Amino acid sequence: MLDHIAIHTDQLDTLTRFYEAVLAPLGYAKLASYEDVAGFGRDKPELWIGAAEAKPTPIHIALAAPGNAAVDTFYAAALAAGAKDNGPPGPRPDYSPGYYAAFVLDPDGNNLEAVYHQPV
């Protein structure tokens, strides 16, 4: 259904560096960069970070991980890059069988999740 998503920030450089660090364990990279926007993805930009004059309302973004180890590495990279813990890596049986995820808050307070759906 979705082709891409965009979030806005009043600290574009900080968030761009943050997402470069935390998306790498999931296989994502910065694929586009312009004066007031950066695009991240695997094959094409799917997550855009754009400049805003004021701090926007935080949102939740769940990103697909290729396995449990990638979720764990994402979480460690996010904390090292300045994220705040919002739920350490682990199974979430209340969500659905095989749901393995970690949650962090980025520098703008967005709830960023890495999730792997284990075969059950």
PDB file of N, CA and C in Angstrom:
ATOM      1  N   MET A   1       0.802  -1.180   0.000  1.00  0.00           N
ATOM      2  CA  MET A   1       0.000   0.000   0.000  1.00  0.00           C
ATOM      3  C   MET A   1       0.856   1.260   0.000  1.00  0.00           C
ATOM      4  N   LEU A   2       1.887   1.321   0.842  1.00  0.00           N
ATOM      5  CA  LEU A   2       2.707   2.532   0.928  1.00  0.00           C
ATOM      6  C   LEU A   2       3.900   2.451  -0.017  1.00  0.00           C
ATOM      7  N   ASP A   3       4.198   3.565  -0.637  1.00  0.00           N
ATOM      8  CA  ASP A   3       5.384   3.679  -1.478  1.00  0.00           C
ATOM      9  C   ASP A   3       6.528   4.311  -0.693  1.00  0.00           C
ATOM     10  N   HIS A   4       6.195   5.301   0.113  1.00  0.00           N
ATOM     11  CA  HIS A   4       7.202   5.952   0.961  1.00  0.00           C
ATOM     12  C   HIS A   4       6.502   6.735   2.066  1.00  0.00           C
ATOM     13  N   ILE A   5       7.282   7.147   3.040  1.00  0.00           N
ATOM     14  CA  ILE A   5       6.783   7.960   4.142  1.00  0.00           C
ATOM     15  C   ILE A   5       7.779   9.078   4.390  1.00  0.00           C
ATOM     16  N   ALA A   6       7.283  10.213   4.841  1.00  0.00           N
ATOM     17  CA  ALA A   6       8.153  11.350   5.139  1.00  0.00           C
ATOM     18  C   ALA A   6       7.889  11.831   6.559  1.00  0.00           C
ATOM     19  N   ILE A   7       8.977  12.142   7.255  1.00  0.00           N
ATOM     20  CA  ILE A   7       8.861  12.793   8.551  1.00  0.00           C
ATOM     21  C   ILE A   7       9.619  14.105   8.462  1.00  0.00           C
ATOM     22  N   HIS A   8       9.229  15.032   9.290  1.00  0.00           N
ATOM     23  CA  HIS A   8       9.845  16.353   9.267  1.00  0.00           C
ATOM     24  C   HIS A   8      10.486  16.649  10.614  1.00  0.00           C
ATOM     25  N   THR A   9      11.518  17.469  10.574  1.00  0.00           N
ATOM     26  CA  THR A   9      12.288  17.771  11.764  1.00  0.00           C
ATOM     27  C   THR A   9      12.840  19.191  11.692  1.00  0.00           C
ATOM     28  N   ASP A  10      13.059  19.759  12.860  1.00  0.00           N
ATOM     29  CA  ASP A  10      13.718  21.058  12.914  1.00  0.00           C
ATOM     30  C   ASP A  10      15.220  20.899  13.172  1.00  0.00           C
ATOM     31  N   GLN A  11      15.711  19.666  13.106  1.00  0.00           N
ATOM     32  CA  GLN A  11      17.146  19.374  13.258  1.00  0.00           C
ATOM     33  C   GLN A  11      17.568  18.342  12.207  1.00  0.00           C
ATOM     34  N   LEU A  12      17.518  18.754  10.946  1.00  0.00           N
ATOM     35  CA  LEU A  12      17.736  17.852   9.814  1.00  0.00           C
ATOM     36  C   LEU A  12      19.090  17.153   9.861  1.00  0.00           C
ATOM     37  N   ASP A  13      20.168  17.873  10.117  1.00  0.00           N
ATOM     38  CA  ASP A  13      21.493  17.247  10.135  1.00  0.00           C
ATOM     39  C   ASP A  13      21.585  16.173  11.219  1.00  0.00           C
ATOM     40  N   THR A  14      21.073  16.473  12.401  1.00  0.00           N
ATOM     41  CA  THR A  14      21.110  15.513  13.512  1.00  0.00           C
ATOM     42  C   THR A  14      20.326  14.259  13.169  1.00  0.00           C
ATOM     43  N   LEU A  15      19.109  14.432  12.657  1.00  0.00           N
ATOM     44  CA  LEU A  15      18.291  13.265  12.330  1.00  0.00           C
ATOM     45  C   LEU A  15      18.856  12.482  11.153  1.00  0.00           C
ATOM     46  N   THR A  16      19.439  13.162  10.173  1.00  0.00           N
ATOM     47  CA  THR A  16      20.046  12.460   9.036  1.00  0.00           C
ATOM     48  C   THR A  16      21.195  11.576   9.512  1.00  0.00           C
ATOM     49  N   ARG A  17      22.071  12.105  10.350  1.00  0.00           N
ATOM     50  CA  ARG A  17      23.177  11.301  10.890  1.00  0.00           C
ATOM     51  C   ARG A  17      22.646  10.130  11.727  1.00  0.00           C
ATOM     52  N   PHE A  18      21.632  10.400  12.535  1.00  0.00           N
ATOM     53  CA  PHE A  18      21.039   9.366  13.376  1.00  0.00           C
ATOM     54  C   PHE A  18      20.506   8.220  12.512  1.00  0.00           C
ATOM     55  N   TYR A  19      19.711   8.546  11.494  1.00  0.00           N
ATOM     56  CA  TYR A  19      19.126   7.496  10.656  1.00  0.00           C
ATOM     57  C   TYR A  19      20.180   6.774   9.818  1.00  0.00           C
ATOM     58  N   GLU A  20      21.226   7.441   9.415  1.00  0.00           N
ATOM     59  CA  GLU A  20      22.318   6.746   8.715  1.00  0.00           C
ATOM     60  C   GLU A  20      22.886   5.644   9.601  1.00  0.00           C
ATOM     61  N   ALA A  21      23.067   5.932  10.898  1.00  0.00           N
ATOM     62  CA  ALA A  21      23.648   4.959  11.828  1.00  0.00           C
ATOM     63  C   ALA A  21      22.691   3.825  12.158  1.00  0.00           C
ATOM     64  N   VAL A  22      21.423   4.138  12.423  1.00  0.00           N
ATOM     65  CA  VAL A  22      20.516   3.099  12.915  1.00  0.00           C
ATOM     66  C   VAL A  22      19.874   2.268  11.815  1.00  0.00           C
ATOM     67  N   LEU A  23      19.821   2.775  10.601  1.00  0.00           N
ATOM     68  CA  LEU A  23      19.217   2.000   9.523  1.00  0.00           C
ATOM     69  C   LEU A  23      20.193   1.023   8.868  1.00  0.00           C
ATOM     70  N   ALA A  24      21.486   1.252   9.018  1.00  0.00           N
ATOM     71  CA  ALA A  24      22.485   0.368   8.409  1.00  0.00           C
ATOM     72  C   ALA A  24      22.329  -1.095   8.829  1.00  0.00           C
ATOM     73  N   PRO A  25      22.085  -1.416  10.124  1.00  0.00           N
ATOM     74  CA  PRO A  25      21.921  -2.817  10.496  1.00  0.00           C
ATOM     75  C   PRO A  25      20.721  -3.496   9.843  1.00  0.00           C
ATOM     76  N   LEU A  26      19.770  -2.701   9.357  1.00  0.00           N
ATOM     77  CA  LEU A  26      18.584  -3.256   8.716  1.00  0.00           C
ATOM     78  C   LEU A  26      18.733  -3.339   7.204  1.00  0.00           C
ATOM     79  N   GLY A  27      19.889  -2.913   6.702  1.00  0.00           N
ATOM     80  CA  GLY A  27      20.142  -2.980   5.269  1.00  0.00           C
ATOM     81  C   GLY A  27      19.694  -1.755   4.501  1.00  0.00           C
ATOM     82  N   TYR A  28      19.387  -0.669   5.208  1.00  0.00           N
ATOM     83  CA  TYR A  28      18.974   0.573   4.564  1.00  0.00           C
ATOM     84  C   TYR A  28      20.143   1.549   4.539  1.00  0.00           C
ATOM     85  N   ALA A  29      20.152   2.436   3.553  1.00  0.00           N
ATOM     86  CA  ALA A  29      21.206   3.447   3.439  1.00  0.00           C
ATOM     87  C   ALA A  29      20.590   4.752   2.935  1.00  0.00           C
ATOM     88  N   LYS A  30      21.335   5.830   3.087  1.00  0.00           N
ATOM     89  CA  LYS A  30      20.903   7.106   2.525  1.00  0.00           C
ATOM     90  C   LYS A  30      21.134   7.033   1.019  1.00  0.00           C
ATOM     91  N   LEU A  31      20.071   7.129   0.245  1.00  0.00           N
ATOM     92  CA  LEU A  31      20.143   7.002  -1.205  1.00  0.00           C
ATOM     93  C   LEU A  31      19.975   8.336  -1.922  1.00  0.00           C
ATOM     94  N   ALA A  32      19.481   9.353  -1.215  1.00  0.00           N
ATOM     95  CA  ALA A  32      19.278  10.670  -1.824  1.00  0.00           C
ATOM     96  C   ALA A  32      19.512  11.737  -0.769  1.00  0.00           C
ATOM     97  N   SER A  33      20.076  12.842  -1.197  1.00  0.00           N
ATOM     98  CA  SER A  33      20.324  13.946  -0.283  1.00  0.00           C
ATOM     99  C   SER A  33      20.239  15.263  -1.048  1.00  0.00           C
ATOM    100  N   TYR A  34      19.403  16.123  -0.559  1.00  0.00           N
ATOM    101  CA  TYR A  34      19.235  17.447  -1.141  1.00  0.00           C
ATOM    102  C   TYR A  34      19.360  18.477  -0.026  1.00  0.00           C
ATOM    103  N   GLU A  35      19.210  19.732  -0.336  1.00  0.00           N
ATOM    104  CA  GLU A  35      19.413  20.790   0.646  1.00  0.00           C
ATOM    105  C   GLU A  35      18.546  20.631   1.891  1.00  0.00           C
ATOM    106  N   ASP A  36      17.287  20.256   1.726  1.00  0.00           N
ATOM    107  CA  ASP A  36      16.388  20.201   2.869  1.00  0.00           C
ATOM    108  C   ASP A  36      15.686  18.859   3.055  1.00  0.00           C
ATOM    109  N   VAL A  37      16.270  17.786   2.472  1.00  0.00           N
ATOM    110  CA  VAL A  37      15.661  16.465   2.599  1.00  0.00           C
ATOM    111  C   VAL A  37      16.699  15.372   2.336  1.00  0.00           C
ATOM    112  N   ALA A  38      16.522  14.223   3.014  1.00  0.00           N
ATOM    113  CA  ALA A  38      17.364  13.046   2.772  1.00  0.00           C
ATOM    114  C   ALA A  38      16.444  11.841   2.653  1.00  0.00           C
ATOM    115  N   GLY A  39      16.758  10.942   1.702  1.00  0.00           N
ATOM    116  CA  GLY A  39      15.937   9.763   1.471  1.00  0.00           C
ATOM    117  C   GLY A  39      16.699   8.486   1.767  1.00  0.00           C
ATOM    118  N   PHE A  40      16.066   7.566   2.493  1.00  0.00           N
ATOM    119  CA  PHE A  40      16.677   6.303   2.898  1.00  0.00           C
ATOM    120  C   PHE A  40      15.878   5.124   2.355  1.00  0.00           C
ATOM    121  N   GLY A  41      16.578   4.037   2.028  1.00  0.00           N
ATOM    122  CA  GLY A  41      15.910   2.832   1.574  1.00  0.00           C
ATOM    123  C   GLY A  41      16.912   1.765   1.222  1.00  0.00           C
ATOM    124  N   ARG A  42      16.422   0.708   0.596  1.00  0.00           N
ATOM    125  CA  ARG A  42      17.296  -0.365   0.103  1.00  0.00           C
ATOM    126  C   ARG A  42      17.531  -0.173  -1.384  1.00  0.00           C
ATOM    127  N   ASP A  43      16.475  -0.161  -2.168  1.00  0.00           N
ATOM    128  CA  ASP A  43      16.590  -0.009  -3.618  1.00  0.00           C
ATOM    129  C   ASP A  43      16.190   1.380  -4.087  1.00  0.00           C
ATOM    130  N   LYS A  44      15.319   2.029  -3.325  1.00  0.00           N
ATOM    131  CA  LYS A  44      14.854   3.384  -3.636  1.00  0.00           C
ATOM    132  C   LYS A  44      14.511   4.055  -2.306  1.00  0.00           C
ATOM    133  N   PRO A  45      14.498   5.374  -2.261  1.00  0.00           N
ATOM    134  CA  PRO A  45      14.130   6.029  -1.010  1.00  0.00           C
ATOM    135  C   PRO A  45      12.688   5.701  -0.611  1.00  0.00           C
ATOM    136  N   GLU A  46      12.543   5.197   0.601  1.00  0.00           N
ATOM    137  CA  GLU A  46      11.225   4.862   1.142  1.00  0.00           C
ATOM    138  C   GLU A  46      10.904   5.665   2.383  1.00  0.00           C
ATOM    139  N   LEU A  47      11.951   6.150   3.060  1.00  0.00           N
ATOM    140  CA  LEU A  47      11.795   6.999   4.236  1.00  0.00           C
ATOM    141  C   LEU A  47      12.511   8.311   3.960  1.00  0.00           C
ATOM    142  N   TRP A  48      11.767   9.390   3.977  1.00  0.00           N
ATOM    143  CA  TRP A  48      12.325  10.718   3.731  1.00  0.00           C
ATOM    144  C   TRP A  48      12.333  11.512   5.026  1.00  0.00           C
ATOM    145  N   ILE A  49      13.452  12.208   5.293  1.00  0.00           N
ATOM    146  CA  ILE A  49      13.570  13.109   6.422  1.00  0.00           C
ATOM    147  C   ILE A  49      13.665  14.507   5.829  1.00  0.00           C
ATOM    148  N   GLY A  50      12.711  15.371   6.172  1.00  0.00           N
ATOM    149  CA  GLY A  50      12.681  16.708   5.602  1.00  0.00           C
ATOM    150  C   GLY A  50      12.739  17.786   6.657  1.00  0.00           C
ATOM    151  N   ALA A  51      13.260  18.932   6.253  1.00  0.00           N
ATOM    152  CA  ALA A  51      13.387  20.068   7.162  1.00  0.00           C
ATOM    153  C   ALA A  51      12.029  20.695   7.444  1.00  0.00           C
ATOM    154  N   ALA A  52      11.842  21.138   8.672  1.00  0.00           N
ATOM    155  CA  ALA A  52      10.644  21.856   9.094  1.00  0.00           C
ATOM    156  C   ALA A  52      11.081  23.026   9.960  1.00  0.00           C
ATOM    157  N   GLU A  53      10.276  24.053  10.002  1.00  0.00           N
ATOM    158  CA  GLU A  53      10.618  25.223  10.819  1.00  0.00           C
ATOM    159  C   GLU A  53      10.364  24.984  12.297  1.00  0.00           C
ATOM    160  N   ALA A  54       9.386  24.157  12.616  1.00  0.00           N
ATOM    161  CA  ALA A  54       9.050  23.876  14.013  1.00  0.00           C
ATOM    162  C   ALA A  54       9.083  22.372  14.243  1.00  0.00           C
ATOM    163  N   LYS A  55       9.284  21.987  15.488  1.00  0.00           N
ATOM    164  CA  LYS A  55       9.316  20.564  15.823  1.00  0.00           C
ATOM    165  C   LYS A  55       7.918  19.954  15.646  1.00  0.00           C
ATOM    166  N   PRO A  56       7.801  18.916  14.797  1.00  0.00           N
ATOM    167  CA  PRO A  56       6.485  18.299  14.555  1.00  0.00           C
ATOM    168  C   PRO A  56       6.111  17.299  15.639  1.00  0.00           C
ATOM    169  N   THR A  57       4.872  16.848  15.594  1.00  0.00           N
ATOM    170  CA  THR A  57       4.386  15.817  16.504  1.00  0.00           C
ATOM    171  C   THR A  57       5.055  14.492  16.167  1.00  0.00           C
ATOM    172  N   PRO A  58       5.590  13.776  17.165  1.00  0.00           N
ATOM    173  CA  PRO A  58       6.244  12.483  16.903  1.00  0.00           C
ATOM    174  C   PRO A  58       5.262  11.453  16.323  1.00  0.00           C
ATOM    175  N   ILE A  59       5.813  10.504  15.558  1.00  0.00           N
ATOM    176  CA  ILE A  59       5.035   9.420  14.964  1.00  0.00           C
ATOM    177  C   ILE A  59       5.709   8.086  15.268  1.00  0.00           C
ATOM    178  N   HIS A  60       5.059   6.997  14.894  1.00  0.00           N
ATOM    179  CA  HIS A  60       5.608   5.646  15.037  1.00  0.00           C
ATOM    180  C   HIS A  60       5.945   5.105  13.650  1.00  0.00           C
ATOM    181  N   ILE A  61       7.155   4.564  13.512  1.00  0.00           N
ATOM    182  CA  ILE A  61       7.586   3.958  12.259  1.00  0.00           C
ATOM    183  C   ILE A  61       8.127   2.567  12.579  1.00  0.00           C
ATOM    184  N   ALA A  62       7.590   1.541  11.929  1.00  0.00           N
ATOM    185  CA  ALA A  62       8.085   0.174  12.088  1.00  0.00           C
ATOM    186  C   ALA A  62       8.821  -0.226  10.821  1.00  0.00           C
ATOM    187  N   LEU A  63      10.051  -0.660  10.983  1.00  0.00           N
ATOM    188  CA  LEU A  63      10.907  -1.033   9.852  1.00  0.00           C
ATOM    189  C   LEU A  63      11.175  -2.532   9.869  1.00  0.00           C
ATOM    190  N   ALA A  64      11.089  -3.145   8.705  1.00  0.00           N
ATOM    191  CA  ALA A  64      11.316  -4.585   8.583  1.00  0.00           C
ATOM    192  C   ALA A  64      12.795  -4.906   8.754  1.00  0.00           C
ATOM    193  N   ALA A  65      13.074  -5.904   9.567  1.00  0.00           N
ATOM    194  CA  ALA A  65      14.440  -6.390   9.776  1.00  0.00           C
ATOM    195  C   ALA A  65      14.564  -7.781   9.165  1.00  0.00           C
ATOM    196  N   PRO A  66      15.762  -8.147   8.689  1.00  0.00           N
ATOM    197  CA  PRO A  66      15.934  -9.466   8.069  1.00  0.00           C
ATOM    198  C   PRO A  66      16.087 -10.613   9.067  1.00  0.00           C
ATOM    199  N   GLY A  67      16.120 -10.320  10.363  1.00  0.00           N
ATOM    200  CA  GLY A  67      16.251 -11.376  11.361  1.00  0.00           C
ATOM    201  C   GLY A  67      16.385 -10.793  12.756  1.00  0.00           C
ATOM    202  N   ASN A  68      16.371 -11.671  13.758  1.00  0.00           N
ATOM    203  CA  ASN A  68      16.504 -11.229  15.149  1.00  0.00           C
ATOM    204  C   ASN A  68      17.817 -10.494  15.389  1.00  0.00           C
ATOM    205  N   ALA A  69      18.904 -10.993  14.813  1.00  0.00           N
ATOM    206  CA  ALA A  69      20.213 -10.362  15.026  1.00  0.00           C
ATOM    207  C   ALA A  69      20.211  -8.923  14.511  1.00  0.00           C
ATOM    208  N   ALA A  70      19.534  -8.670  13.411  1.00  0.00           N
ATOM    209  CA  ALA A  70      19.456  -7.314  12.873  1.00  0.00           C
ATOM    210  C   ALA A  70      18.669  -6.410  13.812  1.00  0.00           C
ATOM    211  N   VAL A  71      17.607  -6.927  14.424  1.00  0.00           N
ATOM    212  CA  VAL A  71      16.848  -6.148  15.413  1.00  0.00           C
ATOM    213  C   VAL A  71      17.761  -5.786  16.578  1.00  0.00           C
ATOM    214  N   ASP A  72      18.515  -6.766  17.067  1.00  0.00           N
ATOM    215  CA  ASP A  72      19.434  -6.524  18.183  1.00  0.00           C
ATOM    216  C   ASP A  72      20.491  -5.481  17.819  1.00  0.00           C
ATOM    217  N   THR A  73      21.065  -5.602  16.631  1.00  0.00           N
ATOM    218  CA  THR A  73      22.102  -4.674  16.180  1.00  0.00           C
ATOM    219  C   THR A  73      21.529  -3.273  15.975  1.00  0.00           C
ATOM    220  N   PHE A  74      20.331  -3.193  15.402  1.00  0.00           N
ATOM    221  CA  PHE A  74      19.628  -1.916  15.249  1.00  0.00           C
ATOM    222  C   PHE A  74      19.495  -1.229  16.601  1.00  0.00           C
ATOM    223  N   TYR A  75      19.027  -1.951  17.601  1.00  0.00           N
ATOM    224  CA  TYR A  75      18.801  -1.407  18.939  1.00  0.00           C
ATOM    225  C   TYR A  75      20.103  -0.861  19.526  1.00  0.00           C
ATOM    226  N   ALA A  76      21.172  -1.638  19.448  1.00  0.00           N
ATOM    227  CA  ALA A  76      22.472  -1.204  19.970  1.00  0.00           C
ATOM    228  C   ALA A  76      22.975   0.021  19.216  1.00  0.00           C
ATOM    229  N   ALA A  77      22.850   0.026  17.891  1.00  0.00           N
ATOM    230  CA  ALA A  77      23.289   1.166  17.083  1.00  0.00           C
ATOM    231  C   ALA A  77      22.476   2.412  17.409  1.00  0.00           C
ATOM    232  N   ALA A  78      21.191   2.242  17.621  1.00  0.00           N
ATOM    233  CA  ALA A  78      20.330   3.385  17.945  1.00  0.00           C
ATOM    234  C   ALA A  78      20.712   4.002  19.284  1.00  0.00           C
ATOM    235  N   LEU A  79      20.927   3.164  20.294  1.00  0.00           N
ATOM    236  CA  LEU A  79      21.329   3.695  21.600  1.00  0.00           C
ATOM    237  C   LEU A  79      22.682   4.393  21.503  1.00  0.00           C
ATOM    238  N   ALA A  80      23.603   3.809  20.750  1.00  0.00           N
ATOM    239  CA  ALA A  80      24.927   4.430  20.571  1.00  0.00           C
ATOM    240  C   ALA A  80      24.835   5.756  19.821  1.00  0.00           C
ATOM    241  N   ALA A  81      23.822   5.895  18.970  1.00  0.00           N
ATOM    242  CA  ALA A  81      23.647   7.123  18.189  1.00  0.00           C
ATOM    243  C   ALA A  81      22.825   8.174  18.932  1.00  0.00           C
ATOM    244  N   GLY A  82      22.397   7.877  20.159  1.00  0.00           N
ATOM    245  CA  GLY A  82      21.697   8.868  20.964  1.00  0.00           C
ATOM    246  C   GLY A  82      20.215   8.627  21.166  1.00  0.00           C
ATOM    247  N   ALA A  83      19.695   7.482  20.721  1.00  0.00           N
ATOM    248  CA  ALA A  83      18.278   7.177  20.932  1.00  0.00           C
ATOM    249  C   ALA A  83      18.022   6.845  22.394  1.00  0.00           C
ATOM    250  N   LYS A  84      16.760   6.949  22.774  1.00  0.00           N
ATOM    251  CA  LYS A  84      16.333   6.537  24.109  1.00  0.00           C
ATOM    252  C   LYS A  84      15.588   5.209  23.982  1.00  0.00           C
ATOM    253  N   ASP A  85      15.847   4.323  24.932  1.00  0.00           N
ATOM    254  CA  ASP A  85      15.172   3.023  24.959  1.00  0.00           C
ATOM    255  C   ASP A  85      13.665   3.218  25.072  1.00  0.00           C
ATOM    256  N   ASN A  86      12.918   2.466  24.277  1.00  0.00           N
ATOM    257  CA  ASN A  86      11.465   2.462  24.385  1.00  0.00           C
ATOM    258  C   ASN A  86      10.940   1.020  24.324  1.00  0.00           C
ATOM    259  N   GLY A  87      11.824   0.067  24.563  1.00  0.00           N
ATOM    260  CA  GLY A  87      11.477  -1.351  24.561  1.00  0.00           C
ATOM    261  C   GLY A  87      12.604  -2.166  23.972  1.00  0.00           C
ATOM    262  N   PRO A  88      13.362  -2.905  24.794  1.00  0.00           N
ATOM    263  CA  PRO A  88      14.521  -3.654  24.303  1.00  0.00           C
ATOM    264  C   PRO A  88      14.122  -4.793  23.368  1.00  0.00           C
ATOM    265  N   PRO A  89      15.090  -5.328  22.623  1.00  0.00           N
ATOM    266  CA  PRO A  89      14.802  -6.430  21.698  1.00  0.00           C
ATOM    267  C   PRO A  89      14.211  -7.627  22.426  1.00  0.00           C
ATOM    268  N   GLY A  90      13.256  -8.244  21.771  1.00  0.00           N
ATOM    269  CA  GLY A  90      12.671  -9.454  22.331  1.00  0.00           C
ATOM    270  C   GLY A  90      11.362  -9.811  21.664  1.00  0.00           C
ATOM    271  N   PRO A  91      10.856 -11.002  21.991  1.00  0.00           N
ATOM    272  CA  PRO A  91       9.574 -11.433  21.438  1.00  0.00           C
ATOM    273  C   PRO A  91       8.442 -10.573  22.004  1.00  0.00           C
ATOM    274  N   ARG A  92       7.430 -10.383  21.192  1.00  0.00           N
ATOM    275  CA  ARG A  92       6.230  -9.651  21.597  1.00  0.00           C
ATOM    276  C   ARG A  92       5.025 -10.561  21.309  1.00  0.00           C
ATOM    277  N   PRO A  93       4.832 -11.609  22.138  1.00  0.00           N
ATOM    278  CA  PRO A  93       3.765 -12.573  21.866  1.00  0.00           C
ATOM    279  C   PRO A  93       2.370 -11.966  21.904  1.00  0.00           C
ATOM    280  N   ASP A  94       2.205 -10.835  22.584  1.00  0.00           N
ATOM    281  CA  ASP A  94       0.894 -10.183  22.609  1.00  0.00           C
ATOM    282  C   ASP A  94       0.566  -9.520  21.274  1.00  0.00           C
ATOM    283  N   TYR A  95       1.594  -9.247  20.447  1.00  0.00           N
ATOM    284  CA  TYR A  95       1.376  -8.620  19.138  1.00  0.00           C
ATOM    285  C   TYR A  95       0.914  -9.662  18.133  1.00  0.00           C
ATOM    286  N   SER A  96       1.728 -10.674  17.954  1.00  0.00           N
ATOM    287  CA  SER A  96       1.379 -11.809  17.095  1.00  0.00           C
ATOM    288  C   SER A  96       2.464 -12.869  17.280  1.00  0.00           C
ATOM    289  N   PRO A  97       2.158 -14.136  16.963  1.00  0.00           N
ATOM    290  CA  PRO A  97       3.173 -15.188  17.099  1.00  0.00           C
ATOM    291  C   PRO A  97       4.390 -14.887  16.217  1.00  0.00           C
ATOM    292  N   GLY A  98       5.565 -15.057  16.775  1.00  0.00           N
ATOM    293  CA  GLY A  98       6.800 -14.852  16.029  1.00  0.00           C
ATOM    294  C   GLY A  98       7.234 -13.399  15.882  1.00  0.00           C
ATOM    295  N   TYR A  99       6.562 -12.473  16.555  1.00  0.00           N
ATOM    296  CA  TYR A  99       6.880 -11.041  16.448  1.00  0.00           C
ATOM    297  C   TYR A  99       8.075 -10.738  17.350  1.00  0.00           C
ATOM    298  N   TYR A 100       9.191 -10.318  16.775  1.00  0.00           N
ATOM    299  CA  TYR A 100      10.412  -9.990  17.516  1.00  0.00           C
ATOM    300  C   TYR A 100      10.775  -8.549  17.172  1.00  0.00           C
ATOM    301  N   ALA A 101      10.866  -7.681  18.178  1.00  0.00           N
ATOM    302  CA  ALA A 101      11.048  -6.258  17.887  1.00  0.00           C
ATOM    303  C   ALA A 101      11.833  -5.545  18.976  1.00  0.00           C
ATOM    304  N   ALA A 102      12.289  -4.351  18.616  1.00  0.00           N
ATOM    305  CA  ALA A 102      12.904  -3.414  19.552  1.00  0.00           C
ATOM    306  C   ALA A 102      12.377  -2.025  19.215  1.00  0.00           C
ATOM    307  N   PHE A 103      12.284  -1.182  20.237  1.00  0.00           N
ATOM    308  CA  PHE A 103      11.742   0.158  20.079  1.00  0.00           C
ATOM    309  C   PHE A 103      12.689   1.192  20.689  1.00  0.00           C
ATOM    310  N   VAL A 104      12.882   2.290  19.968  1.00  0.00           N
ATOM    311  CA  VAL A 104      13.677   3.415  20.473  1.00  0.00           C
ATOM    312  C   VAL A 104      12.969   4.713  20.104  1.00  0.00           C
ATOM    313  N   LEU A 105      13.330   5.768  20.818  1.00  0.00           N
ATOM    314  CA  LEU A 105      12.868   7.111  20.482  1.00  0.00           C
ATOM    315  C   LEU A 105      14.024   7.853  19.841  1.00  0.00           C
ATOM    316  N   ASP A 106      13.810   8.368  18.622  1.00  0.00           N
ATOM    317  CA  ASP A 106      14.862   9.111  17.932  1.00  0.00           C
ATOM    318  C   ASP A 106      15.024  10.503  18.574  1.00  0.00           C
ATOM    319  N   PRO A 107      15.988  11.324  18.128  1.00  0.00           N
ATOM    320  CA  PRO A 107      16.210  12.627  18.757  1.00  0.00           C
ATOM    321  C   PRO A 107      15.007  13.573  18.735  1.00  0.00           C
ATOM    322  N   ASP A 108      14.023  13.330  17.870  1.00  0.00           N
ATOM    323  CA  ASP A 108      12.803  14.141  17.844  1.00  0.00           C
ATOM    324  C   ASP A 108      11.663  13.506  18.633  1.00  0.00           C
ATOM    325  N   GLY A 109      11.891  12.315  19.200  1.00  0.00           N
ATOM    326  CA  GLY A 109      10.841  11.642  19.957  1.00  0.00           C
ATOM    327  C   GLY A 109       9.981  10.705  19.134  1.00  0.00           C
ATOM    328  N   ASN A 110      10.337  10.486  17.855  1.00  0.00           N
ATOM    329  CA  ASN A 110       9.610   9.509  17.037  1.00  0.00           C
ATOM    330  C   ASN A 110       9.887   8.106  17.571  1.00  0.00           C
ATOM    331  N   ASN A 111       8.855   7.280  17.645  1.00  0.00           N
ATOM    332  CA  ASN A 111       8.985   5.907  18.111  1.00  0.00           C
ATOM    333  C   ASN A 111       9.391   5.040  16.920  1.00  0.00           C
ATOM    334  N   LEU A 112      10.648   4.621  16.906  1.00  0.00           N
ATOM    335  CA  LEU A 112      11.201   3.844  15.807  1.00  0.00           C
ATOM    336  C   LEU A 112      11.312   2.385  16.240  1.00  0.00           C
ATOM    337  N   GLU A 113      10.729   1.501  15.434  1.00  0.00           N
ATOM    338  CA  GLU A 113      10.705   0.071  15.737  1.00  0.00           C
ATOM    339  C   GLU A 113      11.396  -0.704  14.625  1.00  0.00           C
ATOM    340  N   ALA A 114      12.188  -1.689  15.004  1.00  0.00           N
ATOM    341  CA  ALA A 114      12.702  -2.677  14.060  1.00  0.00           C
ATOM    342  C   ALA A 114      11.998  -3.989  14.418  1.00  0.00           C
ATOM    343  N   VAL A 115      11.432  -4.655  13.408  1.00  0.00           N
ATOM    344  CA  VAL A 115      10.646  -5.855  13.678  1.00  0.00           C
ATOM    345  C   VAL A 115      10.998  -6.950  12.675  1.00  0.00           C
ATOM    346  N   TYR A 116      11.061  -8.166  13.200  1.00  0.00           N
ATOM    347  CA  TYR A 116      11.220  -9.352  12.370  1.00  0.00           C
ATOM    348  C   TYR A 116      10.059 -10.289  12.703  1.00  0.00           C
ATOM    349  N   HIS A 117       9.377 -10.751  11.671  1.00  0.00           N
ATOM    350  CA  HIS A 117       8.286 -11.704  11.838  1.00  0.00           C
ATOM    351  C   HIS A 117       8.851 -13.104  11.628  1.00  0.00           C
ATOM    352  N   GLN A 118       9.131 -13.796  12.745  1.00  0.00           N
ATOM    353  CA  GLN A 118       9.690 -15.137  12.679  1.00  0.00           C
ATOM    354  C   GLN A 118       8.648 -16.116  12.146  1.00  0.00           C
ATOM    355  N   PRO A 119       9.085 -17.061  11.317  1.00  0.00           N
ATOM    356  CA  PRO A 119       8.136 -18.108  10.883  1.00  0.00           C
ATOM    357  C   PRO A 119       7.648 -18.906  12.078  1.00  0.00           C
ATOM    358  N   VAL A 120       6.374 -19.178  12.099  1.00  0.00           N
ATOM    359  CA  VAL A 120       5.815 -19.971  13.218  1.00  0.00           C
ATOM    360  C   VAL A 120       5.188 -21.245  12.708  1.00  0.00           C
TER     361      VAL A 120
END
